[in-house]
Amino acid sequence: MEVKPINYGKLNGSVYDFPEIGDVLPMHTHDEMTVHVTIVARGSFRAYGSGWHHTLNCGDIVDWPAYQEHEFIALEPGSRLVNIVKG
């Protein structure tokens, strides 16, 4: 997995590229200052958390609340996530 920061004026975040099927962004959480919106920019993912899971496809957007655990597993080669920090 490759990570590139986004810094454009007040807009901050990261672009995550997943070259292979099965590449993982491991389970993690964010506080109020680092919580983000996730945009599936390319491919698809299986997203997991405590007691839930979803398949996310290109164009899907998830607005995470602070402290919600989440993990992403790429379902297609070349998948991409864009995270925009809300804090």
N, C-alpha and C. Protein backbone atom coordinates (compact mmCIF):
# COMPACT_ATOMS: atom_id res chain seq x y z
N MET A 1 0.84 -1.17 0.00
CA MET A 1 0.00 0.00 0.00
C MET A 1 0.90 1.24 0.00
N GLU A 2 0.51 2.24 -0.78
CA GLU A 2 1.23 3.50 -0.85
C GLU A 2 0.36 4.61 -0.30
N VAL A 3 0.95 5.55 0.44
CA VAL A 3 0.21 6.66 1.04
C VAL A 3 0.84 7.97 0.59
N LYS A 4 -0.01 8.91 0.12
CA LYS A 4 0.46 10.24 -0.27
C LYS A 4 -0.38 11.27 0.47
N PRO A 5 0.25 12.24 1.16
CA PRO A 5 -0.52 13.27 1.85
C PRO A 5 -1.17 14.25 0.88
N ILE A 6 -2.30 14.80 1.31
CA ILE A 6 -2.99 15.86 0.58
C ILE A 6 -2.90 17.12 1.45
N ASN A 7 -2.39 18.20 0.92
CA ASN A 7 -2.37 19.48 1.60
C ASN A 7 -2.68 20.55 0.56
N TYR A 8 -3.91 21.06 0.61
CA TYR A 8 -4.35 22.04 -0.37
C TYR A 8 -5.14 23.11 0.38
N GLY A 9 -4.46 24.17 0.80
CA GLY A 9 -5.11 25.18 1.62
C GLY A 9 -5.54 24.57 2.94
N LYS A 10 -6.83 24.67 3.25
CA LYS A 10 -7.37 24.09 4.48
C LYS A 10 -7.70 22.61 4.34
N LEU A 11 -7.59 22.07 3.14
CA LEU A 11 -7.91 20.67 2.87
C LEU A 11 -6.70 19.80 3.16
N ASN A 12 -6.88 18.83 4.07
CA ASN A 12 -5.81 17.90 4.42
C ASN A 12 -6.34 16.48 4.40
N GLY A 13 -5.49 15.55 4.09
CA GLY A 13 -5.88 14.15 4.08
C GLY A 13 -4.79 13.29 3.48
N SER A 14 -5.20 12.14 2.94
CA SER A 14 -4.26 11.19 2.36
C SER A 14 -4.91 10.41 1.23
N VAL A 15 -4.08 10.02 0.28
CA VAL A 15 -4.50 9.12 -0.79
C VAL A 15 -3.81 7.78 -0.53
N TYR A 16 -4.59 6.71 -0.50
CA TYR A 16 -4.07 5.36 -0.26
C TYR A 16 -4.26 4.53 -1.52
N ASP A 17 -3.18 4.05 -2.10
CA ASP A 17 -3.24 3.18 -3.27
C ASP A 17 -2.96 1.74 -2.84
N PHE A 18 -3.78 0.83 -3.34
CA PHE A 18 -3.70 -0.59 -3.01
C PHE A 18 -3.42 -1.35 -4.30
N PRO A 19 -2.15 -1.64 -4.60
CA PRO A 19 -1.81 -2.29 -5.87
C PRO A 19 -2.40 -3.69 -6.05
N GLU A 20 -2.54 -4.43 -4.96
CA GLU A 20 -2.95 -5.83 -5.06
C GLU A 20 -4.26 -6.11 -4.34
N ILE A 21 -4.99 -7.10 -4.83
CA ILE A 21 -6.16 -7.62 -4.10
C ILE A 21 -5.65 -8.13 -2.75
N GLY A 22 -6.37 -7.80 -1.69
CA GLY A 22 -5.99 -8.25 -0.35
C GLY A 22 -5.10 -7.29 0.41
N ASP A 23 -4.61 -6.22 -0.24
CA ASP A 23 -3.85 -5.21 0.50
C ASP A 23 -4.75 -4.62 1.57
N VAL A 24 -4.17 -4.34 2.75
CA VAL A 24 -4.97 -3.96 3.92
C VAL A 24 -4.49 -2.64 4.51
N LEU A 25 -5.44 -1.79 4.85
CA LEU A 25 -5.21 -0.67 5.76
C LEU A 25 -5.76 -1.16 7.09
N PRO A 26 -4.87 -1.49 8.07
CA PRO A 26 -5.29 -2.18 9.29
C PRO A 26 -6.28 -1.38 10.14
N MET A 27 -6.97 -2.11 11.01
CA MET A 27 -7.96 -1.55 11.93
C MET A 27 -7.35 -0.39 12.71
N HIS A 28 -8.10 0.71 12.76
CA HIS A 28 -7.64 1.90 13.47
C HIS A 28 -8.83 2.79 13.79
N THR A 29 -8.59 3.82 14.60
CA THR A 29 -9.61 4.82 14.92
C THR A 29 -8.99 6.20 14.81
N HIS A 30 -9.84 7.23 14.88
CA HIS A 30 -9.40 8.62 14.84
C HIS A 30 -10.12 9.40 15.93
N ASP A 31 -9.42 10.39 16.48
CA ASP A 31 -10.06 11.27 17.46
C ASP A 31 -10.77 12.41 16.72
N GLU A 32 -11.29 13.37 17.48
CA GLU A 32 -12.06 14.47 16.88
C GLU A 32 -11.21 15.33 15.94
N MET A 33 -9.92 15.38 16.16
CA MET A 33 -9.05 16.21 15.32
C MET A 33 -8.57 15.51 14.05
N THR A 34 -8.67 14.19 14.00
CA THR A 34 -8.16 13.45 12.84
C THR A 34 -9.23 12.62 12.13
N VAL A 35 -10.48 12.71 12.59
CA VAL A 35 -11.55 11.95 11.95
C VAL A 35 -11.73 12.45 10.52
N HIS A 36 -12.17 11.55 9.63
CA HIS A 36 -12.16 11.88 8.21
C HIS A 36 -13.39 11.36 7.46
N VAL A 37 -13.49 11.80 6.24
CA VAL A 37 -14.43 11.27 5.26
C VAL A 37 -13.60 10.42 4.30
N THR A 38 -14.09 9.23 3.96
CA THR A 38 -13.41 8.36 3.01
C THR A 38 -14.18 8.34 1.70
N ILE A 39 -13.47 8.53 0.60
CA ILE A 39 -14.04 8.43 -0.74
C ILE A 39 -13.36 7.26 -1.44
N VAL A 40 -14.14 6.34 -1.98
CA VAL A 40 -13.57 5.26 -2.79
C VAL A 40 -13.40 5.83 -4.20
N ALA A 41 -12.16 6.13 -4.56
CA ALA A 41 -11.87 6.79 -5.83
C ALA A 41 -11.67 5.80 -6.98
N ARG A 42 -11.32 4.56 -6.65
CA ARG A 42 -11.08 3.55 -7.68
C ARG A 42 -11.20 2.18 -7.04
N GLY A 43 -11.78 1.22 -7.75
CA GLY A 43 -11.87 -0.15 -7.28
C GLY A 43 -12.95 -0.37 -6.25
N SER A 44 -12.71 -1.34 -5.35
CA SER A 44 -13.68 -1.66 -4.31
C SER A 44 -12.95 -2.22 -3.09
N PHE A 45 -13.66 -2.16 -1.95
CA PHE A 45 -13.08 -2.56 -0.67
C PHE A 45 -14.11 -3.27 0.18
N ARG A 46 -13.61 -4.10 1.07
CA ARG A 46 -14.39 -4.63 2.18
C ARG A 46 -13.97 -3.79 3.38
N ALA A 47 -14.91 -3.12 4.01
CA ALA A 47 -14.63 -2.31 5.20
C ALA A 47 -15.21 -3.03 6.40
N TYR A 48 -14.43 -3.07 7.48
CA TYR A 48 -14.81 -3.77 8.71
C TYR A 48 -14.72 -2.84 9.90
N GLY A 49 -15.47 -3.18 10.93
CA GLY A 49 -15.36 -2.54 12.23
C GLY A 49 -15.92 -3.48 13.27
N SER A 50 -16.06 -3.00 14.47
CA SER A 50 -16.61 -3.82 15.55
C SER A 50 -18.08 -4.12 15.29
N GLY A 51 -18.38 -5.34 14.88
CA GLY A 51 -19.76 -5.77 14.68
C GLY A 51 -20.38 -5.36 13.35
N TRP A 52 -19.62 -4.88 12.39
CA TRP A 52 -20.19 -4.50 11.10
C TRP A 52 -19.17 -4.75 9.98
N HIS A 53 -19.68 -4.85 8.75
CA HIS A 53 -18.84 -4.90 7.56
C HIS A 53 -19.67 -4.45 6.36
N HIS A 54 -19.01 -3.82 5.40
CA HIS A 54 -19.67 -3.32 4.19
C HIS A 54 -18.74 -3.51 3.00
N THR A 55 -19.32 -3.68 1.83
CA THR A 55 -18.57 -3.61 0.59
C THR A 55 -18.73 -2.20 0.06
N LEU A 56 -17.61 -1.55 -0.21
CA LEU A 56 -17.61 -0.18 -0.73
C LEU A 56 -17.09 -0.20 -2.16
N ASN A 57 -17.77 0.51 -3.04
CA ASN A 57 -17.41 0.55 -4.45
C ASN A 57 -17.04 1.95 -4.88
N CYS A 58 -16.42 2.06 -6.04
CA CYS A 58 -15.99 3.35 -6.58
C CYS A 58 -17.15 4.35 -6.52
N GLY A 59 -16.88 5.52 -5.94
CA GLY A 59 -17.89 6.55 -5.79
C GLY A 59 -18.55 6.59 -4.42
N ASP A 60 -18.41 5.52 -3.64
CA ASP A 60 -18.99 5.50 -2.29
C ASP A 60 -18.23 6.46 -1.38
N ILE A 61 -18.96 7.06 -0.44
CA ILE A 61 -18.39 7.98 0.53
C ILE A 61 -18.85 7.56 1.92
N VAL A 62 -17.91 7.53 2.87
CA VAL A 62 -18.23 7.21 4.25
C VAL A 62 -17.80 8.38 5.13
N ASP A 63 -18.73 8.91 5.92
CA ASP A 63 -18.47 10.00 6.85
C ASP A 63 -18.31 9.38 8.23
N TRP A 64 -17.06 9.15 8.66
CA TRP A 64 -16.79 8.44 9.90
C TRP A 64 -17.03 9.32 11.12
N PRO A 65 -17.65 8.76 12.16
CA PRO A 65 -17.66 9.47 13.45
C PRO A 65 -16.33 9.22 14.17
N ALA A 66 -15.98 10.10 15.08
CA ALA A 66 -14.76 9.91 15.87
C ALA A 66 -14.83 8.59 16.64
N TYR A 67 -13.69 7.92 16.75
CA TYR A 67 -13.50 6.70 17.54
C TYR A 67 -14.18 5.45 16.98
N GLN A 68 -14.70 5.48 15.76
CA GLN A 68 -15.27 4.26 15.18
C GLN A 68 -14.14 3.48 14.51
N GLU A 69 -13.92 2.25 14.98
CA GLU A 69 -12.90 1.39 14.39
C GLU A 69 -13.26 1.08 12.95
N HIS A 70 -12.23 1.05 12.08
CA HIS A 70 -12.44 0.67 10.69
C HIS A 70 -11.15 0.15 10.07
N GLU A 71 -11.34 -0.75 9.10
CA GLU A 71 -10.24 -1.39 8.38
C GLU A 71 -10.70 -1.55 6.94
N PHE A 72 -9.77 -1.50 6.00
CA PHE A 72 -10.10 -1.67 4.58
C PHE A 72 -9.27 -2.78 3.98
N ILE A 73 -9.91 -3.61 3.16
CA ILE A 73 -9.23 -4.66 2.40
C ILE A 73 -9.60 -4.48 0.93
N ALA A 74 -8.58 -4.33 0.08
CA ALA A 74 -8.82 -4.13 -1.35
C ALA A 74 -9.41 -5.39 -1.99
N LEU A 75 -10.45 -5.21 -2.78
CA LEU A 75 -11.09 -6.31 -3.49
C LEU A 75 -10.70 -6.35 -4.97
N GLU A 76 -10.04 -5.28 -5.44
CA GLU A 76 -9.60 -5.20 -6.83
C GLU A 76 -8.19 -4.63 -6.87
N PRO A 77 -7.37 -5.07 -7.82
CA PRO A 77 -6.04 -4.46 -7.94
C PRO A 77 -6.18 -3.00 -8.37
N GLY A 78 -5.29 -2.16 -7.86
CA GLY A 78 -5.30 -0.75 -8.24
C GLY A 78 -6.38 0.07 -7.56
N SER A 79 -6.94 -0.43 -6.46
CA SER A 79 -7.98 0.31 -5.74
C SER A 79 -7.36 1.52 -5.03
N ARG A 80 -8.20 2.56 -4.82
CA ARG A 80 -7.71 3.80 -4.20
C ARG A 80 -8.76 4.37 -3.25
N LEU A 81 -8.28 4.80 -2.07
CA LEU A 81 -9.09 5.54 -1.11
C LEU A 81 -8.53 6.95 -0.98
N VAL A 82 -9.43 7.92 -0.82
CA VAL A 82 -9.03 9.30 -0.52
C VAL A 82 -9.70 9.66 0.80
N ASN A 83 -8.89 10.02 1.79
CA ASN A 83 -9.39 10.44 3.10
C ASN A 83 -9.21 11.94 3.24
N ILE A 84 -10.30 12.63 3.62
CA ILE A 84 -10.26 14.07 3.86
C ILE A 84 -10.55 14.29 5.34
N VAL A 85 -9.60 14.91 6.05
CA VAL A 85 -9.74 15.15 7.49
C VAL A 85 -10.82 16.20 7.73
N LYS A 86 -11.71 15.91 8.70
CA LYS A 86 -12.79 16.84 9.04
C LYS A 86 -12.41 17.78 10.17
N GLY A 87 -11.42 17.40 11.01
CA GLY A 87 -11.07 18.16 12.20
C GLY A 87 -10.34 19.40 11.88
